[in-house]
Protein backbone atom coordinates (compact mmCIF):
# COMPACT_ATOMS: atom_id res chain seq x y z
CA MET A 1 0.00 0.00 0.00
CA ARG A 2 2.80 2.38 0.88
CA ARG A 3 4.62 1.51 -2.35
CA ALA A 4 1.53 2.29 -4.39
CA SER A 5 1.00 5.60 -2.64
CA SER A 6 4.68 6.49 -3.06
CA LYS A 7 4.48 5.72 -6.81
CA VAL A 8 1.39 7.92 -7.12
CA GLY A 9 3.20 10.68 -5.24
CA GLU A 10 6.20 10.41 -7.55
CA LYS A 11 3.97 10.69 -10.59
CA LEU A 12 2.06 13.66 -9.19
CA ALA A 13 5.15 15.54 -7.97
CA PRO A 14 6.12 16.99 -11.40
CA TYR A 15 2.56 18.20 -12.00
CA VAL A 16 2.44 19.85 -8.57
CA LEU A 17 5.69 21.67 -9.30
CA LEU A 18 4.44 22.69 -12.75
CA ALA A 19 1.01 23.75 -11.46
CA PRO A 20 1.76 27.51 -11.18
CA PHE A 21 3.24 27.58 -14.69
CA LEU A 22 0.40 25.48 -16.15
CA PHE A 23 -2.18 27.72 -14.48
CA THR A 24 -0.56 30.83 -15.95
CA LEU A 25 -0.25 29.18 -19.37
CA ILE A 26 -3.89 28.05 -19.46
CA VAL A 27 -5.50 31.18 -18.03
CA PHE A 28 -3.38 33.97 -19.47
CA PHE A 29 -2.35 32.35 -22.76
CA GLY A 30 -4.73 29.53 -23.61
CA TYR A 31 -7.90 31.43 -22.70
CA ALA A 32 -6.57 34.62 -24.33
CA PHE A 33 -5.73 32.71 -27.52
CA VAL A 34 -9.24 31.26 -27.75
CA ARG A 35 -10.73 34.73 -27.27
CA VAL A 36 -8.51 36.20 -29.99
CA VAL A 37 -9.54 33.46 -32.42
CA TYR A 38 -13.20 34.20 -31.66
CA PHE A 39 -12.83 37.99 -31.93
CA SER A 40 -11.04 37.66 -35.29
CA PHE A 41 -14.36 36.52 -36.78
CA THR A 42 -16.40 39.33 -35.21
CA THR A 43 -16.85 43.09 -35.20
CA TYR A 44 -16.10 44.27 -31.67
CA ASP A 45 -15.13 47.61 -30.12
CA LEU A 46 -14.66 46.63 -26.43
CA PHE A 47 -18.00 48.24 -25.53
CA SER A 48 -20.80 46.73 -27.61
CA LYS A 49 -21.67 43.09 -28.12
CA PRO A 50 -19.48 41.24 -30.68
CA GLU A 51 -21.17 40.58 -34.04
CA TRP A 52 -20.18 37.57 -36.16
CA VAL A 53 -18.80 38.59 -39.59
CA GLY A 54 -16.91 35.48 -40.65
CA LEU A 55 -13.75 36.05 -42.70
CA LYS A 56 -14.46 39.73 -43.31
CA ASN A 57 -11.70 40.93 -40.94
CA TYR A 58 -9.10 38.75 -42.68
CA VAL A 59 -10.10 40.19 -46.04
CA ASN A 60 -10.10 43.76 -44.72
CA ILE A 61 -6.60 43.65 -43.23
CA PHE A 62 -5.14 42.81 -46.64
CA ARG A 63 -7.04 45.77 -48.09
CA ASP A 64 -5.59 48.06 -45.41
CA LEU A 65 -2.53 49.96 -46.65
CA ASP A 66 -1.14 50.21 -43.10
CA PHE A 67 -1.22 46.42 -42.78
CA THR A 68 0.71 45.83 -46.02
CA ARG A 69 3.30 48.42 -44.96
CA ALA A 70 3.55 46.80 -41.54
CA MET A 71 4.05 43.37 -43.11
CA LYS A 72 6.77 44.65 -45.44
CA ASN A 73 8.53 46.49 -42.58
CA SER A 74 8.35 43.43 -40.30
CA LEU A 75 9.73 41.05 -42.93
CA THR A 76 12.52 43.49 -43.84
CA PHE A 77 13.32 43.99 -40.16
CA MET A 78 13.37 40.21 -39.62
CA VAL A 79 15.74 39.45 -42.50
CA VAL A 80 18.22 42.27 -41.86
CA VAL A 81 18.34 42.15 -38.06
CA THR A 82 18.37 38.35 -37.70
CA THR A 83 21.18 37.99 -40.25
CA ALA A 84 23.28 40.85 -38.85
CA GLN A 85 22.90 39.99 -35.17
CA THR A 86 23.74 36.32 -35.80
CA ILE A 87 26.93 37.15 -37.71
CA ILE A 88 28.00 39.87 -35.26
CA ALA A 89 27.28 37.65 -32.26
CA LEU A 90 29.47 34.88 -33.71
CA LEU A 91 32.32 37.29 -34.52
CA LEU A 92 32.16 38.81 -31.02
CA ALA A 93 32.20 35.34 -29.47
CA LEU A 94 35.24 34.35 -31.53
CA LEU A 95 36.96 37.56 -30.47
CA LEU A 96 36.12 37.20 -26.77
CA ASN A 97 37.01 33.51 -26.66
CA GLN A 98 40.71 34.38 -26.75
CA LYS A 99 42.77 33.77 -23.63
CA VAL A 100 44.18 37.22 -22.98
CA ARG A 101 44.45 39.30 -19.83
CA GLY A 102 41.41 41.46 -19.06
CA ILE A 103 39.06 39.60 -21.43
CA ARG A 104 36.35 39.37 -18.73
CA PHE A 105 36.04 43.15 -18.68
CA PHE A 106 35.33 43.24 -22.43
CA ARG A 107 32.81 40.40 -22.11
CA ALA A 108 30.91 42.36 -19.47
CA ALA A 109 31.17 45.60 -21.47
CA TYR A 110 29.77 44.01 -24.63
CA TYR A 111 26.90 42.45 -22.67
CA MET A 112 25.81 45.67 -20.91
CA PRO A 113 23.35 46.84 -23.64
CA SER A 114 21.36 43.61 -23.23
CA VAL A 115 20.76 44.00 -19.49
CA ALA A 116 19.96 47.71 -19.51
CA SER A 117 16.34 48.88 -19.51
CA SER A 118 14.96 48.88 -23.05
CA VAL A 119 13.04 52.11 -22.37
CA VAL A 120 16.13 53.94 -21.10
CA VAL A 121 18.30 52.61 -23.91
CA THR A 122 15.67 53.62 -26.48
CA LEU A 123 15.55 57.17 -25.13
CA ILE A 124 19.36 57.35 -25.39
CA PHE A 125 19.08 55.95 -28.88
CA ILE A 126 16.62 58.70 -29.88
CA TRP A 127 19.10 61.33 -28.67
CA PHE A 128 21.92 59.52 -30.47
CA PHE A 129 20.12 59.74 -33.84
CA GLN A 130 19.04 63.40 -33.65
CA ARG A 131 20.00 65.72 -36.53
CA ARG A 132 22.69 67.24 -34.29
CA GLY A 133 23.28 64.02 -32.40
CA VAL A 134 26.30 61.83 -31.83
CA LEU A 135 26.00 59.72 -34.98
CA ASN A 136 25.94 62.66 -37.40
CA PHE A 137 28.87 64.18 -35.49
CA VAL A 138 30.89 60.96 -35.83
CA ILE A 139 30.11 60.75 -39.55
CA THR A 140 31.20 64.37 -39.98
CA LYS A 141 34.51 63.72 -38.24
CA PHE A 142 35.06 60.58 -40.32
CA LYS A 143 34.66 62.61 -43.51
CA GLU A 144 37.12 65.21 -42.19
CA TYR A 145 39.79 62.60 -41.40
CA GLN A 146 38.84 60.09 -44.12
CA ALA A 147 42.14 60.28 -46.03
CA ILE A 148 44.19 59.91 -42.82
CA ILE A 149 42.11 56.95 -41.62
CA LEU A 150 42.36 55.21 -44.99
CA LEU A 151 46.15 55.73 -45.03
CA PHE A 152 46.41 54.20 -41.56
CA LEU A 153 44.28 51.18 -42.52
CA PHE A 154 46.12 50.66 -45.79
CA ALA A 155 49.56 50.84 -44.15
CA ALA A 156 48.56 48.51 -41.30
CA ALA A 157 47.04 45.96 -43.70
CA ALA A 158 50.00 46.14 -46.09
CA ILE A 159 52.56 45.55 -43.34
CA HIS A 160 50.55 42.65 -41.96
CA ILE A 161 50.16 41.00 -45.38
CA VAL A 162 53.84 41.43 -46.23
CA LEU A 163 54.93 39.82 -42.95
CA VAL A 164 52.54 36.88 -43.36
CA VAL A 165 53.55 36.27 -46.99
CA TRP A 166 57.24 36.51 -46.07
CA GLU A 167 56.85 33.88 -43.37
CA LYS A 168 54.82 31.67 -45.69
CA LEU A 169 57.55 31.87 -48.34
CA ARG A 170 60.05 30.78 -45.70
CA ARG A 171 57.75 27.80 -45.02
CA ARG A 172 57.18 28.75 -41.41
CA PRO A 173 53.85 27.86 -39.71
CA VAL A 174 52.13 31.20 -39.19
CA SER A 175 48.46 32.12 -38.89
CA VAL A 176 46.88 34.57 -41.33
CA PHE A 177 45.73 36.55 -38.30
CA GLU A 178 48.99 36.37 -36.39
CA PRO A 179 48.48 38.70 -33.36
CA SER A 180 52.09 39.93 -33.29
CA PHE A 181 51.96 40.86 -36.98
CA MET A 182 48.64 42.63 -36.48
CA PHE A 183 50.07 44.65 -33.59
CA LEU A 184 53.17 45.53 -35.61
CA GLY A 185 51.03 46.54 -38.59
CA VAL A 186 48.84 48.80 -36.43
CA LEU A 187 51.90 50.39 -34.85
CA ILE A 188 53.61 51.09 -38.18
CA GLY A 189 50.32 52.28 -39.70
CA PHE A 190 49.91 54.77 -36.85
CA ILE A 191 53.48 56.03 -37.33
CA VAL A 192 52.93 56.46 -41.08
CA ALA A 193 49.63 58.32 -40.62
CA PHE A 194 51.06 60.50 -37.84
CA GLY A 195 54.11 61.34 -39.95
CA ALA A 196 51.93 62.25 -42.95
CA VAL A 197 49.94 64.69 -40.80
CA ARG A 198 52.96 66.01 -38.91
CA PHE A 199 54.89 66.92 -42.06
CA GLY A 200 51.87 68.30 -43.89
CA PHE A 201 51.37 65.60 -46.53
CA LEU A 202 47.79 65.07 -45.34
CA VAL A 203 45.50 67.47 -43.48
CA PRO A 204 41.88 67.13 -42.30
CA ARG A 205 39.37 68.32 -44.87
CA GLU A 206 36.82 71.02 -44.17
CA VAL A 207 33.37 69.51 -44.71
CA PRO A 208 29.91 70.83 -43.79
CA PRO A 209 28.24 69.13 -40.82
CA VAL A 210 26.40 65.97 -41.80
CA ASP A 211 22.67 66.60 -41.58
CA ILE A 212 21.10 63.18 -42.05
CA ILE A 213 17.46 63.10 -40.92
CA TRP A 214 17.11 59.71 -39.25
CA PHE A 215 13.55 59.91 -37.90
CA ASN A 216 11.27 62.59 -39.34
CA THR A 217 11.49 61.40 -42.95
CA THR A 218 9.82 59.01 -45.36
CA LYS A 219 12.93 58.50 -47.51
CA THR A 220 14.15 54.97 -48.17
CA TRP A 221 17.59 53.40 -48.46
CA PRO A 222 19.36 52.04 -50.46
CA ASP A 223 17.85 53.61 -53.57
CA PHE A 224 19.10 50.96 -56.01
CA LEU A 225 16.84 48.34 -54.40
CA GLY A 226 13.75 50.18 -55.59
CA SER A 227 10.61 48.84 -53.90
CA LEU A 228 12.74 46.62 -51.64
CA ALA A 229 14.47 49.63 -50.05
CA PHE A 230 13.48 50.20 -46.42
CA PRO A 231 12.62 53.51 -44.69
CA ILE A 232 15.54 55.30 -43.05
CA PRO A 233 13.77 55.49 -39.62
CA LEU A 234 13.29 51.72 -39.74
CA GLY A 235 17.00 51.35 -40.55
CA ALA A 236 17.87 53.39 -37.46
CA ILE A 237 15.76 51.05 -35.33
CA MET A 238 17.52 48.10 -36.97
CA LEU A 239 20.93 49.44 -35.94
CA PHE A 240 19.72 49.95 -32.40
CA ASN A 241 18.12 46.50 -32.17
CA ILE A 242 21.24 44.77 -33.51
CA TRP A 243 23.38 46.60 -30.95
CA THR A 244 21.17 45.55 -28.03
CA THR A 245 20.45 41.92 -29.00
CA ALA A 246 23.76 40.72 -30.47
CA PRO A 247 25.48 40.56 -27.02
CA THR A 248 22.84 38.12 -25.72
CA PHE A 249 23.43 35.74 -28.60
CA MET A 250 27.17 36.32 -28.20
CA LEU A 251 26.96 34.61 -24.80
CA LEU A 252 25.27 31.58 -26.34
CA TYR A 253 27.97 31.31 -28.99
CA LEU A 254 30.67 31.87 -26.38
CA ALA A 255 29.32 28.99 -24.29
CA GLY A 256 29.25 26.81 -27.39
CA LEU A 257 32.84 27.70 -28.31
CA GLN A 258 34.07 26.83 -24.85
CA ASP A 259 32.29 23.47 -25.08
CA ILE A 260 34.16 22.40 -28.24
CA PRO A 261 36.73 19.70 -27.32
CA ARG A 262 40.33 20.90 -27.46
CA GLU A 263 41.26 17.62 -29.18
CA LEU A 264 39.58 18.82 -32.38
CA TYR A 265 41.78 21.93 -32.49
CA GLU A 266 44.89 19.86 -31.76
CA ALA A 267 44.04 17.36 -34.52
CA ALA A 268 43.43 20.22 -36.95
CA ALA A 269 46.78 21.80 -36.04
CA VAL A 270 48.54 18.48 -36.69
CA ASP A 271 46.86 18.32 -40.13
CA GLY A 272 48.02 21.87 -40.88
CA ALA A 273 44.60 23.52 -40.69
CA GLU A 274 44.53 27.18 -39.70
CA GLY A 275 42.36 30.30 -39.81
CA TRP A 276 39.27 29.89 -41.97
CA HIS A 277 39.71 26.12 -42.24
CA ILE A 278 39.20 25.76 -38.50
CA ILE A 279 36.18 28.08 -38.56
CA LEU A 280 34.53 26.32 -41.52
CA HIS A 281 35.32 22.70 -40.67
CA ILE A 282 35.37 22.67 -36.86
CA ILE A 283 33.70 25.69 -35.31
CA ALA A 284 30.75 26.07 -37.71
CA PRO A 285 29.65 22.38 -37.59
CA GLN A 286 30.03 22.22 -33.81
CA LEU A 287 27.96 25.39 -33.37
CA LYS A 288 25.05 24.34 -35.60
CA PRO A 289 22.70 23.65 -32.64
CA ILE A 290 23.57 27.06 -31.16
CA THR A 291 23.02 28.71 -34.56
CA PHE A 292 19.63 27.05 -34.83
CA LEU A 293 18.65 28.40 -31.40
CA VAL A 294 20.01 31.90 -32.14
CA VAL A 295 18.26 32.15 -35.51
CA THR A 296 14.98 30.83 -34.09
CA MET A 297 15.01 33.32 -31.22
CA GLY A 298 15.99 36.09 -33.62
CA LEU A 299 13.15 35.32 -36.03
CA ILE A 300 10.54 35.26 -33.28
CA GLY A 301 11.86 38.39 -31.59
CA THR A 302 12.14 40.46 -34.78
CA LEU A 303 8.70 39.51 -36.07
CA GLN A 304 7.19 40.62 -32.75
CA MET A 305 9.21 43.86 -32.48
CA PHE A 306 7.06 46.52 -30.80
CA ASP A 307 8.61 48.50 -27.94
CA GLN A 308 11.10 50.59 -29.94
CA VAL A 309 8.37 51.71 -32.38
CA ALA A 310 5.96 52.50 -29.54
CA ILE A 311 8.54 54.55 -27.61
CA LEU A 312 9.66 56.33 -30.78
CA GLY A 313 6.09 57.62 -31.13
CA SER A 314 5.70 60.79 -33.19
CA GLN A 315 9.48 61.14 -33.75
CA ALA A 316 9.04 59.30 -37.08
CA PRO A 317 6.22 58.98 -39.63
CA ARG A 318 3.94 56.08 -38.76
CA SER A 319 4.22 54.51 -42.21
CA SER A 320 8.02 54.39 -41.96
CA VAL A 321 8.24 52.39 -38.74
CA ILE A 322 4.94 50.53 -38.34
CA THR A 323 5.30 46.79 -37.76
CA LEU A 324 2.75 44.01 -37.44
CA ALA A 325 2.90 44.07 -33.64
CA TYR A 326 2.42 47.86 -33.57
CA TYR A 327 -0.41 47.58 -36.13
CA ILE A 328 -2.21 45.21 -33.76
CA TYR A 329 -1.68 47.55 -30.82
CA SER A 330 -2.79 50.68 -32.72
CA ASN A 331 -6.03 48.99 -33.79
CA LEU A 332 -6.74 47.72 -30.30
CA PHE A 333 -5.86 50.98 -28.52
CA PRO A 334 -6.26 53.85 -31.03
CA SER A 335 -5.58 57.34 -29.72
CA SER A 336 -8.87 58.97 -30.76
CA ALA A 337 -10.93 56.39 -32.62
CA VAL A 338 -13.12 53.39 -31.91
CA PRO A 339 -11.11 50.23 -31.16
CA ARG A 340 -11.18 47.67 -33.95
CA VAL A 341 -10.71 44.50 -31.93
CA GLY A 342 -11.75 42.25 -34.81
CA MET A 343 -9.13 43.71 -37.15
CA ALA A 344 -6.47 43.57 -34.42
CA SER A 345 -7.34 39.94 -33.64
CA ALA A 346 -7.20 38.95 -37.32
CA ALA A 347 -3.81 40.63 -37.66
CA ALA A 348 -2.62 38.86 -34.50
CA MET A 349 -3.67 35.49 -35.90
CA PHE A 350 -1.88 36.28 -39.16
CA LEU A 351 1.28 37.24 -37.25
CA ALA A 352 1.12 34.01 -35.23
CA LEU A 353 0.68 31.94 -38.41
CA LEU A 354 3.47 33.82 -40.20
CA THR A 355 5.83 33.29 -37.26
CA PHE A 356 5.01 29.58 -37.14
CA ILE A 357 5.57 29.12 -40.90
CA ILE A 358 8.91 30.97 -40.93
CA VAL A 359 10.24 29.22 -37.82
CA TYR A 360 9.08 25.83 -39.12
CA ALA A 361 10.75 26.45 -42.50
CA GLN A 362 13.93 27.53 -40.73
CA ARG A 363 13.82 24.37 -38.62
CA LYS A 364 13.53 22.22 -41.74
CA VAL A 365 16.49 23.98 -43.36
CA LEU A 366 18.79 24.33 -40.34
CA GLY A 367 17.27 22.38 -37.46
CA GLU A 368 17.67 18.85 -38.77
CA GLU A 369 21.32 19.53 -39.65
CA GLY A 370 21.85 21.03 -36.22
CA GLU A 371 20.34 17.98 -34.54
CA ASN A 372 22.56 15.64 -36.54
CA ALA A 373 25.71 17.66 -35.76
């Protein structure tokens, strides 16, 4: 009898521990989902009784110009931000995985944007992108010192390449990114650039202050893409979002890099592999599960992007920054109009279906390979 009761207790224990989570999931998500599905087939304004209209809301959202703009902005945001933050996160992880003194400080510094309040960071971001803000000032200074900067980069790269090629010709094992050669190239490049300025060969140019309008504009970029070009205000939000989310994914990649067995690197070194060979044939295959997780989280997060657009408010034209999540919110809580709950619910169902299709397709392309890695 005691054994039977103990077995029942063991079986019930997980459900008891999961009870708070299951209650929250059922009440606040399951019930809300059912209500949204129902409202998507009705006309409802939060005050009067819902009236059944069938598929009318789904037809109307595709006739709404704001919805098509929001869908285009969301898909553009998803493709650009997910791709950029994945690549940058991997590069940062590779950089911060080196065993050098003080590396923990840089890891913490790169991760700071991810733990700061999104509201506070967004307000700083708005100031950063003002017409007389920091970004336009930096671009102005870059144009002033462009020739000097290019001379420095060219000299540093040339010295580094010459040293690597010289060692290769002498048949000595040297990495393409040999740290000592890179340091020597930077040092000589700085001396060359400093000497060119000191003796008057190069001087800063006088250029007018850069006056790029980042927010209050409907212009698109880049122009050569035609209808595929995205609004400049949306591009500013992309830059901000990449900066704040890449450090989080960097930590995932960093954990994955530190979990790769050292024996693989040693075997590759014995076989003469170096640089890109190690990245392509060891690091990339070993990190496929992490890449699958990063891309999946990036797709879901970018498709549901809302807070930056909401905080930006009237700083930018609505058509330039509206996303599907903000379209749903603006229909549900309009500033001075009757709420269109049916339209908002239909758009929410479309967003959920779109997210599911894209994530499922990504899983078929990348997930199965990641699981087999």
